PDB file of all heavy atoms in Angstrom:
ATOM      1  N   VAL A   1       0.877  -1.169   0.000  1.00  0.00           N
ATOM      2  CA  VAL A   1       0.000   0.000   0.000  1.00  0.00           C
ATOM      3  C   VAL A   1       0.910   1.214   0.000  1.00  0.00           C
ATOM      4  O   VAL A   1       1.821   1.321   0.826  1.00  0.00           O
ATOM      5  CB  VAL A   1      -0.930   0.035   1.225  1.00  0.00           C
ATOM      6  CG1 VAL A   1      -1.724   1.342   1.251  1.00  0.00           C
ATOM      7  CG2 VAL A   1      -1.891  -1.147   1.205  1.00  0.00           C
ATOM      8  N   LEU A   2       0.689   2.113  -0.943  1.00  0.00           N
ATOM      9  CA  LEU A   2       1.544   3.281  -1.130  1.00  0.00           C
ATOM     10  C   LEU A   2       0.759   4.546  -0.835  1.00  0.00           C
ATOM     11  O   LEU A   2      -0.428   4.638  -1.156  1.00  0.00           O
ATOM     12  CB  LEU A   2       2.021   3.306  -2.588  1.00  0.00           C
ATOM     13  CG  LEU A   2       3.440   3.756  -2.896  1.00  0.00           C
ATOM     14  CD1 LEU A   2       4.449   2.809  -2.264  1.00  0.00           C
ATOM     15  CD2 LEU A   2       3.646   3.822  -4.412  1.00  0.00           C
ATOM     16  N   ASP A   3       1.426   5.533  -0.205  1.00  0.00           N
ATOM     17  CA  ASP A   3       0.757   6.817  -0.018  1.00  0.00           C
ATOM     18  C   ASP A   3       1.077   7.732  -1.199  1.00  0.00           C
ATOM     19  O   ASP A   3       1.759   7.338  -2.154  1.00  0.00           O
ATOM     20  CB  ASP A   3       1.110   7.450   1.332  1.00  0.00           C
ATOM     21  CG  ASP A   3       2.566   7.898   1.441  1.00  0.00           C
ATOM     22  OD1 ASP A   3       3.239   8.021   0.399  1.00  0.00           O
ATOM     23  OD2 ASP A   3       3.026   8.130   2.583  1.00  0.00           O
ATOM     24  N   LEU A   4       0.600   8.963  -1.122  1.00  0.00           N
ATOM     25  CA  LEU A   4       0.672   9.864  -2.273  1.00  0.00           C
ATOM     26  C   LEU A   4       2.097  10.290  -2.611  1.00  0.00           C
ATOM     27  O   LEU A   4       2.380  10.654  -3.756  1.00  0.00           O
ATOM     28  CB  LEU A   4      -0.197  11.104  -2.012  1.00  0.00           C
ATOM     29  CG  LEU A   4      -0.402  12.075  -3.167  1.00  0.00           C
ATOM     30  CD1 LEU A   4      -0.918  11.354  -4.403  1.00  0.00           C
ATOM     31  CD2 LEU A   4      -1.375  13.183  -2.763  1.00  0.00           C
ATOM     32  N   VAL A   5       3.010  10.244  -1.657  1.00  0.00           N
ATOM     33  CA  VAL A   5       4.393  10.637  -1.947  1.00  0.00           C
ATOM     34  C   VAL A   5       5.254   9.434  -2.325  1.00  0.00           C
ATOM     35  O   VAL A   5       6.463   9.550  -2.487  1.00  0.00           O
ATOM     36  CB  VAL A   5       5.029  11.397  -0.759  1.00  0.00           C
ATOM     37  CG1 VAL A   5       4.246  12.656  -0.464  1.00  0.00           C
ATOM     38  CG2 VAL A   5       5.125  10.521   0.482  1.00  0.00           C
ATOM     39  N   GLY A   6       4.624   8.274  -2.438  1.00  0.00           N
ATOM     40  CA  GLY A   6       5.355   7.094  -2.872  1.00  0.00           C
ATOM     41  C   GLY A   6       5.989   6.307  -1.761  1.00  0.00           C
ATOM     42  O   GLY A   6       6.846   5.451  -2.017  1.00  0.00           O
ATOM     43  N   ALA A   7       5.607   6.558  -0.523  1.00  0.00           N
ATOM     44  CA  ALA A   7       6.141   5.808   0.611  1.00  0.00           C
ATOM     45  C   ALA A   7       5.290   4.576   0.871  1.00  0.00           C
ATOM     46  O   ALA A   7       4.064   4.612   0.755  1.00  0.00           O
ATOM     47  CB  ALA A   7       6.188   6.679   1.865  1.00  0.00           C
ATOM     48  N   VAL A   8       5.960   3.468   1.222  1.00  0.00           N
ATOM     49  CA  VAL A   8       5.260   2.218   1.496  1.00  0.00           C
ATOM     50  C   VAL A   8       4.640   2.284   2.888  1.00  0.00           C
ATOM     51  O   VAL A   8       5.340   2.454   3.877  1.00  0.00           O
ATOM     52  CB  VAL A   8       6.212   1.011   1.396  1.00  0.00           C
ATOM     53  CG1 VAL A   8       5.495  -0.275   1.787  1.00  0.00           C
ATOM     54  CG2 VAL A   8       6.769   0.896  -0.017  1.00  0.00           C
ATOM     55  N   VAL A   9       3.328   2.132   2.943  1.00  0.00           N
ATOM     56  CA  VAL A   9       2.602   2.139   4.215  1.00  0.00           C
ATOM     57  C   VAL A   9       2.504   0.728   4.779  1.00  0.00           C
ATOM     58  O   VAL A   9       2.584   0.519   5.992  1.00  0.00           O
ATOM     59  CB  VAL A   9       1.188   2.739   4.016  1.00  0.00           C
ATOM     60  CG1 VAL A   9       0.374   2.669   5.299  1.00  0.00           C
ATOM     61  CG2 VAL A   9       1.288   4.176   3.516  1.00  0.00           C
ATOM     62  N   GLN A  10       2.306  -0.239   3.900  1.00  0.00           N
ATOM     63  CA  GLN A  10       2.182  -1.638   4.319  1.00  0.00           C
ATOM     64  C   GLN A  10       2.746  -2.534   3.223  1.00  0.00           C
ATOM     65  O   GLN A  10       2.631  -2.222   2.027  1.00  0.00           O
ATOM     66  CB  GLN A  10       0.712  -1.987   4.588  1.00  0.00           C
ATOM     67  CG  GLN A  10       0.493  -3.288   5.346  1.00  0.00           C
ATOM     68  CD  GLN A  10       0.923  -3.212   6.802  1.00  0.00           C
ATOM     69  OE1 GLN A  10       0.892  -2.139   7.403  1.00  0.00           O
ATOM     70  NE2 GLN A  10       1.331  -4.329   7.365  1.00  0.00           N
ATOM     71  N   HIS A  11       3.349  -3.623   3.637  1.00  0.00           N
ATOM     72  CA  HIS A  11       4.024  -4.520   2.698  1.00  0.00           C
ATOM     73  C   HIS A  11       3.789  -5.966   3.103  1.00  0.00           C
ATOM     74  O   HIS A  11       3.730  -6.284   4.294  1.00  0.00           O
ATOM     75  CB  HIS A  11       5.533  -4.225   2.699  1.00  0.00           C
ATOM     76  CG  HIS A  11       6.374  -5.307   2.090  1.00  0.00           C
ATOM     77  ND1 HIS A  11       6.766  -6.441   2.787  1.00  0.00           N
ATOM     78  CD2 HIS A  11       6.897  -5.442   0.856  1.00  0.00           C
ATOM     79  CE1 HIS A  11       7.477  -7.214   2.004  1.00  0.00           C
ATOM     80  NE2 HIS A  11       7.585  -6.637   0.833  1.00  0.00           N
ATOM     81  N   SER A  12       3.679  -6.840   2.123  1.00  0.00           N
ATOM     82  CA  SER A  12       3.669  -8.274   2.397  1.00  0.00           C
ATOM     83  C   SER A  12       4.115  -9.000   1.139  1.00  0.00           C
ATOM     84  O   SER A  12       4.120  -8.439   0.038  1.00  0.00           O
ATOM     85  CB  SER A  12       2.274  -8.762   2.828  1.00  0.00           C
ATOM     86  OG  SER A  12       1.361  -8.716   1.747  1.00  0.00           O
ATOM     87  N   SER A  13       4.494 -10.259   1.290  1.00  0.00           N
ATOM     88  CA  SER A  13       4.861 -11.063   0.130  1.00  0.00           C
ATOM     89  C   SER A  13       4.562 -12.525   0.422  1.00  0.00           C
ATOM     90  O   SER A  13       4.574 -12.949   1.586  1.00  0.00           O
ATOM     91  CB  SER A  13       6.341 -10.880  -0.226  1.00  0.00           C
ATOM     92  OG  SER A  13       7.169 -11.340   0.824  1.00  0.00           O
ATOM     93  N   ILE A  14       4.284 -13.265  -0.627  1.00  0.00           N
ATOM     94  CA  ILE A  14       4.027 -14.696  -0.509  1.00  0.00           C
ATOM     95  C   ILE A  14       4.739 -15.399  -1.652  1.00  0.00           C
ATOM     96  O   ILE A  14       4.995 -14.797  -2.704  1.00  0.00           O
ATOM     97  CB  ILE A  14       2.518 -15.024  -0.567  1.00  0.00           C
ATOM     98  CG1 ILE A  14       1.910 -14.545  -1.902  1.00  0.00           C
ATOM     99  CG2 ILE A  14       1.774 -14.410   0.615  1.00  0.00           C
ATOM    100  CD1 ILE A  14       0.468 -14.971  -2.125  1.00  0.00           C
ATOM    101  N   ASN A  15       5.079 -16.648  -1.460  1.00  0.00           N
ATOM    102  CA  ASN A  15       5.563 -17.442  -2.578  1.00  0.00           C
ATOM    103  C   ASN A  15       4.421 -17.615  -3.569  1.00  0.00           C
ATOM    104  O   ASN A  15       3.296 -17.964  -3.180  1.00  0.00           O
ATOM    105  CB  ASN A  15       6.052 -18.809  -2.102  1.00  0.00           C
ATOM    106  CG  ASN A  15       7.334 -18.726  -1.303  1.00  0.00           C
ATOM    107  OD1 ASN A  15       8.147 -17.820  -1.505  1.00  0.00           O
ATOM    108  ND2 ASN A  15       7.531 -19.663  -0.383  1.00  0.00           N
ATOM    109  N   THR A  16       4.683 -17.331  -4.826  1.00  0.00           N
ATOM    110  CA  THR A  16       3.638 -17.483  -5.840  1.00  0.00           C
ATOM    111  C   THR A  16       3.181 -18.943  -5.882  1.00  0.00           C
ATOM    112  O   THR A  16       4.008 -19.836  -6.055  1.00  0.00           O
ATOM    113  CB  THR A  16       4.161 -17.060  -7.214  1.00  0.00           C
ATOM    114  OG1 THR A  16       4.597 -15.698  -7.148  1.00  0.00           O
ATOM    115  CG2 THR A  16       3.071 -17.188  -8.274  1.00  0.00           C
ATOM    116  N   PRO A  17       1.889 -19.175  -5.694  1.00  0.00           N
ATOM    117  CA  PRO A  17       1.409 -20.563  -5.679  1.00  0.00           C
ATOM    118  C   PRO A  17       1.769 -21.293  -6.958  1.00  0.00           C
ATOM    119  O   PRO A  17       1.704 -20.736  -8.055  1.00  0.00           O
ATOM    120  CB  PRO A  17      -0.114 -20.400  -5.535  1.00  0.00           C
ATOM    121  CG  PRO A  17      -0.291 -19.069  -4.882  1.00  0.00           C
ATOM    122  CD  PRO A  17       0.814 -18.209  -5.433  1.00  0.00           C
ATOM    123  N   GLY A  18       2.173 -22.549  -6.813  1.00  0.00           N
ATOM    124  CA  GLY A  18       2.537 -23.348  -7.973  1.00  0.00           C
ATOM    125  C   GLY A  18       1.310 -23.885  -8.692  1.00  0.00           C
ATOM    126  O   GLY A  18       0.173 -23.521  -8.386  1.00  0.00           O
ATOM    127  N   GLY A  19       1.546 -24.763  -9.624  1.00  0.00           N
ATOM    128  CA  GLY A  19       0.433 -25.328 -10.389  1.00  0.00           C
ATOM    129  C   GLY A  19       0.052 -24.422 -11.538  1.00  0.00           C
ATOM    130  O   GLY A  19       0.653 -23.388 -11.784  1.00  0.00           O
ATOM    131  N   ASN A  20      -0.981 -24.784 -12.251  1.00  0.00           N
ATOM    132  CA  ASN A  20      -1.405 -24.010 -13.422  1.00  0.00           C
ATOM    133  C   ASN A  20      -2.883 -23.637 -13.331  1.00  0.00           C
ATOM    134  O   ASN A  20      -3.609 -23.704 -14.311  1.00  0.00           O
ATOM    135  CB  ASN A  20      -1.118 -24.790 -14.705  1.00  0.00           C
ATOM    136  CG  ASN A  20      -1.775 -26.159 -14.709  1.00  0.00           C
ATOM    137  OD1 ASN A  20      -2.436 -26.536 -13.744  1.00  0.00           O
ATOM    138  ND2 ASN A  20      -1.592 -26.898 -15.808  1.00  0.00           N
ATOM    139  N   ASP A  21      -3.297 -23.242 -12.125  1.00  0.00           N
ATOM    140  CA  ASP A  21      -4.682 -22.830 -11.904  1.00  0.00           C
ATOM    141  C   ASP A  21      -4.705 -21.350 -11.524  1.00  0.00           C
ATOM    142  O   ASP A  21      -4.619 -21.004 -10.345  1.00  0.00           O
ATOM    143  CB  ASP A  21      -5.314 -23.674 -10.794  1.00  0.00           C
ATOM    144  CG  ASP A  21      -6.780 -23.302 -10.559  1.00  0.00           C
ATOM    145  OD1 ASP A  21      -7.313 -22.478 -11.334  1.00  0.00           O
ATOM    146  OD2 ASP A  21      -7.372 -23.823  -9.598  1.00  0.00           O
ATOM    147  N   PRO A  22      -4.801 -20.442 -12.508  1.00  0.00           N
ATOM    148  CA  PRO A  22      -4.781 -19.016 -12.208  1.00  0.00           C
ATOM    149  C   PRO A  22      -5.895 -18.577 -11.260  1.00  0.00           C
ATOM    150  O   PRO A  22      -5.705 -17.664 -10.457  1.00  0.00           O
ATOM    151  CB  PRO A  22      -4.951 -18.364 -13.587  1.00  0.00           C
ATOM    152  CG  PRO A  22      -4.438 -19.384 -14.543  1.00  0.00           C
ATOM    153  CD  PRO A  22      -4.825 -20.706 -13.952  1.00  0.00           C
ATOM    154  N   SER A  23      -7.063 -19.213 -11.343  1.00  0.00           N
ATOM    155  CA  SER A  23      -8.181 -18.792 -10.487  1.00  0.00           C
ATOM    156  C   SER A  23      -7.833 -18.964  -9.010  1.00  0.00           C
ATOM    157  O   SER A  23      -8.198 -18.136  -8.162  1.00  0.00           O
ATOM    158  CB  SER A  23      -9.443 -19.575 -10.829  1.00  0.00           C
ATOM    159  OG  SER A  23      -9.255 -20.972 -10.598  1.00  0.00           O
ATOM    160  N   ALA A  24      -7.112 -20.021  -8.680  1.00  0.00           N
ATOM    161  CA  ALA A  24      -6.703 -20.242  -7.294  1.00  0.00           C
ATOM    162  C   ALA A  24      -5.693 -19.185  -6.858  1.00  0.00           C
ATOM    163  O   ALA A  24      -5.736 -18.682  -5.723  1.00  0.00           O
ATOM    164  CB  ALA A  24      -6.106 -21.639  -7.131  1.00  0.00           C
TER     165      ALA A  24
END
């Protein structure tokens, strides 16, 4: 989540789920 001056307000990351099901 970025504010108006480009500073990060909140951050998270996850390993991109494997497989070939984009909907999941």
